[in-house]
Amino acid sequence: MEPSKIVIRYANGKVLKGYTQNFFPNKPAFHVLPLEKERSNELVEINLKDLKAVFFVRDFVGNKTYIEKKSYPAGVKPQGRSIEVSFKDGEVLVGSTTGYDPNRSGYFLFPADPKTNNMKIFVVSGAVVKVRYL
């Protein structure tokens, strides 16, 4: 399995960038090879309960000046249900999901904006204050 580039956002605001090969949404923990430990191959165990979200990204740099659009481009019909997710820290994401269930530990969100650096986001349910269907 090819490693996935991820950016982890902890509920406390901390950010960790690295690679994972064993992230599964139904498991309480997974391992990450942080960018700063890439040469040593030293894996770090991450517990989902401590997180806000796991962002599966195209690259680690991104574009800090890009403002993510909160709607779908004209003519695009998303797969699954369109939702707006409001986090406890005030961030709002818009996208689609096929697996939203507030009783599970989390769910995948596929961003509405195709130009964003995020390919998909695993939203941790405990970090969310509100989900609204669009």
N, C-alpha and C. Protein backbone atom coordinates (compact mmCIF):
# COMPACT_ATOMS: atom_id res chain seq x y z
N MET A 1 0.84 -1.18 0.00
CA MET A 1 0.00 0.00 0.00
C MET A 1 0.89 1.25 0.00
N GLU A 2 0.61 2.15 -0.91
CA GLU A 2 1.37 3.40 -1.05
C GLU A 2 1.09 4.32 0.14
N PRO A 3 2.12 4.94 0.74
CA PRO A 3 1.88 5.85 1.86
C PRO A 3 1.04 7.06 1.43
N SER A 4 0.15 7.49 2.31
CA SER A 4 -0.67 8.67 2.08
C SER A 4 -0.04 9.87 2.76
N LYS A 5 -0.03 11.01 2.06
CA LYS A 5 0.42 12.27 2.66
C LYS A 5 -0.74 12.81 3.48
N ILE A 6 -0.47 13.08 4.77
CA ILE A 6 -1.54 13.58 5.63
C ILE A 6 -1.06 14.76 6.46
N VAL A 7 -2.02 15.58 6.80
CA VAL A 7 -1.82 16.65 7.78
C VAL A 7 -2.82 16.38 8.89
N ILE A 8 -2.30 16.18 10.08
CA ILE A 8 -3.14 15.88 11.23
C ILE A 8 -3.37 17.17 12.01
N ARG A 9 -4.61 17.43 12.31
CA ARG A 9 -4.96 18.56 13.17
C ARG A 9 -5.50 17.98 14.47
N TYR A 10 -4.80 18.27 15.55
CA TYR A 10 -5.24 17.84 16.87
C TYR A 10 -6.34 18.77 17.37
N ALA A 11 -7.14 18.28 18.29
CA ALA A 11 -8.21 19.09 18.88
C ALA A 11 -7.64 20.30 19.61
N ASN A 12 -6.41 20.20 20.10
CA ASN A 12 -5.79 21.32 20.83
C ASN A 12 -5.08 22.33 19.92
N GLY A 13 -5.18 22.13 18.60
CA GLY A 13 -4.58 23.06 17.65
C GLY A 13 -3.24 22.64 17.08
N LYS A 14 -2.61 21.67 17.68
CA LYS A 14 -1.32 21.18 17.18
C LYS A 14 -1.49 20.58 15.79
N VAL A 15 -0.44 20.70 14.96
CA VAL A 15 -0.46 20.18 13.60
C VAL A 15 0.74 19.25 13.40
N LEU A 16 0.52 18.13 12.73
CA LEU A 16 1.59 17.19 12.42
C LEU A 16 1.45 16.78 10.96
N LYS A 17 2.55 16.85 10.22
CA LYS A 17 2.55 16.45 8.81
C LYS A 17 3.40 15.19 8.66
N GLY A 18 2.91 14.27 7.82
CA GLY A 18 3.67 13.06 7.62
C GLY A 18 2.97 12.09 6.69
N TYR A 19 3.37 10.83 6.81
CA TYR A 19 2.86 9.77 5.94
C TYR A 19 2.25 8.66 6.80
N THR A 20 1.19 8.05 6.27
CA THR A 20 0.61 6.89 6.94
C THR A 20 0.31 5.80 5.93
N GLN A 21 0.38 4.57 6.42
CA GLN A 21 0.02 3.42 5.59
C GLN A 21 -1.02 2.56 6.30
N ASN A 22 -1.41 2.94 7.50
CA ASN A 22 -2.34 2.09 8.23
C ASN A 22 -3.50 2.86 8.87
N PHE A 23 -3.97 3.89 8.19
CA PHE A 23 -5.15 4.60 8.68
C PHE A 23 -6.40 3.85 8.25
N PHE A 24 -7.22 3.49 9.21
CA PHE A 24 -8.51 2.86 8.95
C PHE A 24 -9.55 3.58 9.81
N PRO A 25 -10.64 4.04 9.23
CA PRO A 25 -11.61 4.85 9.98
C PRO A 25 -12.26 4.13 11.15
N ASN A 26 -12.24 2.81 11.16
CA ASN A 26 -12.88 2.07 12.25
C ASN A 26 -11.89 1.66 13.35
N LYS A 27 -10.65 2.09 13.25
CA LYS A 27 -9.63 1.78 14.25
C LYS A 27 -9.39 3.01 15.14
N PRO A 28 -9.15 2.81 16.43
CA PRO A 28 -8.95 3.94 17.34
C PRO A 28 -7.58 4.63 17.22
N ALA A 29 -6.63 3.98 16.53
CA ALA A 29 -5.28 4.55 16.42
C ALA A 29 -4.66 4.14 15.08
N PHE A 30 -3.65 4.90 14.69
CA PHE A 30 -2.88 4.59 13.48
C PHE A 30 -1.49 5.14 13.67
N HIS A 31 -0.60 4.87 12.72
CA HIS A 31 0.79 5.31 12.82
C HIS A 31 1.14 6.30 11.72
N VAL A 32 2.01 7.22 12.06
CA VAL A 32 2.46 8.26 11.13
C VAL A 32 3.98 8.33 11.17
N LEU A 33 4.55 8.50 9.99
CA LEU A 33 5.97 8.81 9.88
C LEU A 33 6.05 10.33 9.69
N PRO A 34 6.34 11.08 10.76
CA PRO A 34 6.40 12.54 10.64
C PRO A 34 7.50 12.99 9.68
N LEU A 35 7.25 14.10 9.01
CA LEU A 35 8.25 14.63 8.07
C LEU A 35 9.60 14.83 8.75
N GLU A 36 9.60 15.35 9.97
CA GLU A 36 10.86 15.63 10.65
C GLU A 36 11.60 14.37 11.08
N LYS A 37 10.94 13.21 11.05
CA LYS A 37 11.59 11.95 11.43
C LYS A 37 11.72 11.00 10.25
N GLU A 38 11.55 11.54 9.05
CA GLU A 38 11.53 10.73 7.84
C GLU A 38 12.80 9.89 7.67
N ARG A 39 13.93 10.47 8.00
CA ARG A 39 15.22 9.75 7.83
C ARG A 39 15.39 8.62 8.82
N SER A 40 14.81 8.76 10.00
CA SER A 40 14.98 7.73 11.02
C SER A 40 13.92 6.64 10.94
N ASN A 41 12.88 6.85 10.12
CA ASN A 41 11.77 5.90 10.00
C ASN A 41 11.09 5.63 11.34
N GLU A 42 11.08 6.63 12.21
CA GLU A 42 10.49 6.49 13.54
C GLU A 42 9.00 6.84 13.49
N LEU A 43 8.16 5.81 13.62
CA LEU A 43 6.71 6.00 13.57
C LEU A 43 6.17 6.52 14.89
N VAL A 44 5.10 7.30 14.79
CA VAL A 44 4.42 7.85 15.96
C VAL A 44 2.99 7.32 15.96
N GLU A 45 2.53 6.83 17.10
CA GLU A 45 1.15 6.36 17.19
C GLU A 45 0.23 7.55 17.45
N ILE A 46 -0.86 7.61 16.71
CA ILE A 46 -1.83 8.70 16.80
C ILE A 46 -3.17 8.11 17.24
N ASN A 47 -3.78 8.69 18.27
CA ASN A 47 -5.09 8.26 18.74
C ASN A 47 -6.16 9.18 18.19
N LEU A 48 -7.16 8.61 17.54
CA LEU A 48 -8.23 9.41 16.93
C LEU A 48 -8.92 10.32 17.93
N LYS A 49 -9.09 9.87 19.16
CA LYS A 49 -9.82 10.66 20.16
C LYS A 49 -9.16 12.01 20.44
N ASP A 50 -7.89 12.16 20.10
CA ASP A 50 -7.15 13.41 20.34
C ASP A 50 -7.23 14.39 19.17
N LEU A 51 -7.87 13.99 18.08
CA LEU A 51 -7.80 14.75 16.84
C LEU A 51 -9.06 15.55 16.53
N LYS A 52 -8.86 16.54 15.67
CA LYS A 52 -9.95 17.28 15.03
C LYS A 52 -10.25 16.62 13.69
N ALA A 53 -9.21 16.38 12.89
CA ALA A 53 -9.38 15.80 11.56
C ALA A 53 -8.05 15.34 11.01
N VAL A 54 -8.14 14.45 10.02
CA VAL A 54 -6.97 13.99 9.27
C VAL A 54 -7.20 14.41 7.82
N PHE A 55 -6.32 15.27 7.31
CA PHE A 55 -6.43 15.80 5.96
C PHE A 55 -5.50 15.01 5.04
N PHE A 56 -6.06 14.36 4.05
CA PHE A 56 -5.27 13.65 3.04
C PHE A 56 -5.01 14.67 1.94
N VAL A 57 -3.73 15.03 1.77
CA VAL A 57 -3.37 16.18 0.95
C VAL A 57 -2.60 15.80 -0.31
N ARG A 58 -2.63 16.72 -1.28
CA ARG A 58 -1.87 16.55 -2.52
C ARG A 58 -0.39 16.77 -2.26
N ASP A 59 -0.08 17.81 -1.47
CA ASP A 59 1.30 18.10 -1.09
C ASP A 59 1.32 18.75 0.28
N PHE A 60 2.49 18.84 0.88
CA PHE A 60 2.60 19.38 2.24
C PHE A 60 2.71 20.90 2.27
N VAL A 61 2.99 21.52 1.14
CA VAL A 61 3.17 22.97 1.10
C VAL A 61 1.83 23.68 0.98
N GLY A 62 1.01 23.26 0.02
CA GLY A 62 -0.28 23.92 -0.21
C GLY A 62 -0.07 25.34 -0.69
N ASN A 63 -1.14 26.12 -0.68
CA ASN A 63 -1.09 27.52 -1.08
C ASN A 63 -1.78 28.33 0.00
N LYS A 64 -1.01 28.96 0.85
CA LYS A 64 -1.56 29.68 2.00
C LYS A 64 -2.46 30.84 1.60
N THR A 65 -2.31 31.34 0.37
CA THR A 65 -3.14 32.47 -0.08
C THR A 65 -4.45 32.02 -0.72
N TYR A 66 -4.57 30.71 -0.99
CA TYR A 66 -5.79 30.21 -1.65
C TYR A 66 -6.94 30.19 -0.65
N ILE A 67 -8.07 30.71 -1.06
CA ILE A 67 -9.27 30.70 -0.23
C ILE A 67 -10.20 29.61 -0.77
N GLU A 68 -10.40 28.60 0.05
CA GLU A 68 -11.21 27.46 -0.37
C GLU A 68 -12.66 27.88 -0.57
N LYS A 69 -13.23 27.46 -1.69
CA LYS A 69 -14.63 27.76 -1.99
C LYS A 69 -15.53 26.82 -1.20
N LYS A 70 -16.64 27.33 -0.74
CA LYS A 70 -17.57 26.56 0.09
C LYS A 70 -18.79 26.10 -0.69
N SER A 71 -18.64 25.97 -2.01
CA SER A 71 -19.73 25.48 -2.84
C SER A 71 -19.14 24.70 -4.02
N TYR A 72 -19.99 23.92 -4.66
CA TYR A 72 -19.55 23.13 -5.80
C TYR A 72 -19.52 23.99 -7.05
N PRO A 73 -18.59 23.72 -7.97
CA PRO A 73 -18.59 24.43 -9.25
C PRO A 73 -19.89 24.14 -10.01
N ALA A 74 -20.29 25.05 -10.86
CA ALA A 74 -21.52 24.88 -11.65
C ALA A 74 -21.48 23.55 -12.41
N GLY A 75 -22.58 22.83 -12.34
CA GLY A 75 -22.71 21.59 -13.08
C GLY A 75 -22.15 20.36 -12.39
N VAL A 76 -21.49 20.53 -11.25
CA VAL A 76 -20.91 19.38 -10.54
C VAL A 76 -21.94 18.82 -9.57
N LYS A 77 -22.20 17.52 -9.69
CA LYS A 77 -23.11 16.84 -8.77
C LYS A 77 -22.27 15.93 -7.89
N PRO A 78 -22.23 16.21 -6.60
CA PRO A 78 -21.38 15.40 -5.71
C PRO A 78 -21.94 14.00 -5.49
N GLN A 79 -21.03 13.08 -5.18
CA GLN A 79 -21.43 11.74 -4.78
C GLN A 79 -21.79 11.79 -3.30
N GLY A 80 -22.86 11.17 -2.92
CA GLY A 80 -23.26 11.16 -1.52
C GLY A 80 -24.05 12.41 -1.17
N ARG A 81 -24.10 12.70 0.12
CA ARG A 81 -24.85 13.85 0.63
C ARG A 81 -23.92 15.05 0.81
N SER A 82 -24.40 16.22 0.44
CA SER A 82 -23.64 17.45 0.66
C SER A 82 -23.88 17.92 2.08
N ILE A 83 -22.79 18.23 2.78
CA ILE A 83 -22.91 18.69 4.16
C ILE A 83 -21.97 19.85 4.43
N GLU A 84 -22.31 20.58 5.47
CA GLU A 84 -21.46 21.64 6.01
C GLU A 84 -21.10 21.21 7.43
N VAL A 85 -19.83 21.16 7.72
CA VAL A 85 -19.34 20.71 9.02
C VAL A 85 -18.74 21.91 9.76
N SER A 86 -19.26 22.18 10.95
CA SER A 86 -18.73 23.26 11.80
C SER A 86 -17.98 22.63 12.97
N PHE A 87 -16.71 22.97 13.09
CA PHE A 87 -15.87 22.44 14.16
C PHE A 87 -15.94 23.33 15.40
N LYS A 88 -15.54 22.77 16.53
CA LYS A 88 -15.52 23.50 17.79
C LYS A 88 -14.60 24.71 17.74
N ASP A 89 -13.56 24.66 16.89
CA ASP A 89 -12.61 25.78 16.80
C ASP A 89 -13.08 26.87 15.84
N GLY A 90 -14.28 26.70 15.23
CA GLY A 90 -14.83 27.72 14.34
C GLY A 90 -14.63 27.44 12.86
N GLU A 91 -13.78 26.51 12.49
CA GLU A 91 -13.58 26.20 11.08
C GLU A 91 -14.82 25.54 10.50
N VAL A 92 -15.14 25.88 9.26
CA VAL A 92 -16.28 25.30 8.56
C VAL A 92 -15.80 24.69 7.25
N LEU A 93 -16.18 23.44 7.01
CA LEU A 93 -15.84 22.74 5.76
C LEU A 93 -17.13 22.35 5.05
N VAL A 94 -17.09 22.38 3.73
CA VAL A 94 -18.23 21.98 2.92
C VAL A 94 -17.77 20.90 1.95
N GLY A 95 -18.58 19.87 1.84
CA GLY A 95 -18.25 18.78 0.92
C GLY A 95 -19.33 17.73 0.91
N SER A 96 -18.96 16.55 0.48
CA SER A 96 -19.93 15.46 0.43
C SER A 96 -19.41 14.27 1.22
N THR A 97 -20.35 13.44 1.64
CA THR A 97 -20.00 12.25 2.40
C THR A 97 -20.98 11.14 2.06
N THR A 98 -20.51 9.93 2.17
CA THR A 98 -21.39 8.78 2.00
C THR A 98 -21.52 8.02 3.31
N GLY A 99 -20.83 8.49 4.34
CA GLY A 99 -20.80 7.73 5.59
C GLY A 99 -21.02 8.53 6.84
N TYR A 100 -21.77 9.63 6.78
CA TYR A 100 -21.97 10.42 7.99
C TYR A 100 -22.87 9.68 8.97
N ASP A 101 -22.37 9.51 10.17
CA ASP A 101 -23.14 8.96 11.27
C ASP A 101 -22.54 9.56 12.54
N PRO A 102 -23.28 10.44 13.22
CA PRO A 102 -22.72 11.12 14.39
C PRO A 102 -22.36 10.17 15.53
N ASN A 103 -22.84 8.94 15.48
CA ASN A 103 -22.54 7.97 16.54
C ASN A 103 -21.25 7.21 16.31
N ARG A 104 -20.65 7.38 15.14
CA ARG A 104 -19.35 6.75 14.87
C ARG A 104 -18.23 7.73 15.22
N SER A 105 -17.02 7.22 15.28
CA SER A 105 -15.87 8.05 15.66
C SER A 105 -15.58 9.14 14.63
N GLY A 106 -15.98 8.92 13.37
CA GLY A 106 -15.73 9.92 12.34
C GLY A 106 -16.24 9.47 11.00
N TYR A 107 -15.97 10.28 9.98
CA TYR A 107 -16.46 10.02 8.64
C TYR A 107 -15.61 10.80 7.65
N PHE A 108 -15.61 10.35 6.40
CA PHE A 108 -14.86 11.05 5.36
C PHE A 108 -15.71 12.14 4.74
N LEU A 109 -15.06 13.26 4.46
CA LEU A 109 -15.66 14.39 3.77
C LEU A 109 -14.81 14.66 2.53
N PHE A 110 -15.46 14.77 1.39
CA PHE A 110 -14.76 15.08 0.14
C PHE A 110 -15.07 16.53 -0.20
N PRO A 111 -14.06 17.41 -0.19
CA PRO A 111 -14.28 18.85 -0.34
C PRO A 111 -15.04 19.23 -1.60
N ALA A 112 -15.88 20.26 -1.46
CA ALA A 112 -16.65 20.78 -2.60
C ALA A 112 -15.74 21.45 -3.62
N ASP A 113 -14.67 22.05 -3.16
CA ASP A 113 -13.75 22.79 -4.03
C ASP A 113 -12.71 21.83 -4.62
N PRO A 114 -12.75 21.58 -5.93
CA PRO A 114 -11.81 20.64 -6.53
C PRO A 114 -10.37 21.17 -6.58
N LYS A 115 -10.17 22.46 -6.33
CA LYS A 115 -8.83 23.04 -6.40
C LYS A 115 -8.13 23.10 -5.04
N THR A 116 -8.81 22.68 -4.00
CA THR A 116 -8.20 22.69 -2.68
C THR A 116 -7.07 21.65 -2.61
N ASN A 117 -6.17 21.81 -1.69
CA ASN A 117 -5.07 20.87 -1.49
C ASN A 117 -5.56 19.57 -0.84
N ASN A 118 -6.72 19.62 -0.22
CA ASN A 118 -7.27 18.44 0.47
C ASN A 118 -8.01 17.55 -0.52
N MET A 119 -7.61 16.28 -0.57
CA MET A 119 -8.30 15.33 -1.44
C MET A 119 -9.50 14.73 -0.71
N LYS A 120 -9.31 14.44 0.56
CA LYS A 120 -10.39 13.98 1.43
C LYS A 120 -9.98 14.28 2.86
N ILE A 121 -10.97 14.33 3.72
CA ILE A 121 -10.74 14.68 5.12
C ILE A 121 -11.49 13.69 5.99
N PHE A 122 -10.79 13.11 6.96
CA PHE A 122 -11.48 12.29 7.94
C PHE A 122 -11.82 13.20 9.11
N VAL A 123 -13.10 13.46 9.28
CA VAL A 123 -13.59 14.34 10.33
C VAL A 123 -13.83 13.52 11.58
N VAL A 124 -13.26 13.94 12.70
CA VAL A 124 -13.46 13.24 13.97
C VAL A 124 -14.72 13.82 14.62
N SER A 125 -15.70 12.97 14.85
CA SER A 125 -17.01 13.41 15.35
C SER A 125 -16.92 14.24 16.64
N GLY A 126 -16.02 13.90 17.52
CA GLY A 126 -15.89 14.61 18.79
C GLY A 126 -15.42 16.04 18.66
N ALA A 127 -14.90 16.41 17.51
CA ALA A 127 -14.41 17.79 17.28
C ALA A 127 -15.43 18.66 16.59
N VAL A 128 -16.61 18.10 16.30
CA VAL A 128 -17.63 18.80 15.54
C VAL A 128 -18.71 19.35 16.46
N VAL A 129 -19.13 20.58 16.17
CA VAL A 129 -20.22 21.18 16.94
C VAL A 129 -21.56 21.07 16.20
N LYS A 130 -21.50 21.04 14.84
CA LYS A 130 -22.73 20.99 14.08
C LYS A 130 -22.48 20.47 12.66
N VAL A 131 -23.41 19.66 12.17
CA VAL A 131 -23.40 19.20 10.78
C VAL A 131 -24.74 19.59 10.19
N ARG A 132 -24.69 20.19 9.00
CA ARG A 132 -25.92 20.64 8.33
C ARG A 132 -25.93 20.06 6.93
N TYR A 133 -27.06 19.43 6.57
CA TYR A 133 -27.22 18.94 5.19
C TYR A 133 -27.51 20.11 4.28
N LEU A 134 -26.91 20.11 3.09
CA LEU A 134 -27.11 21.19 2.13
C LEU A 134 -28.04 20.75 1.01
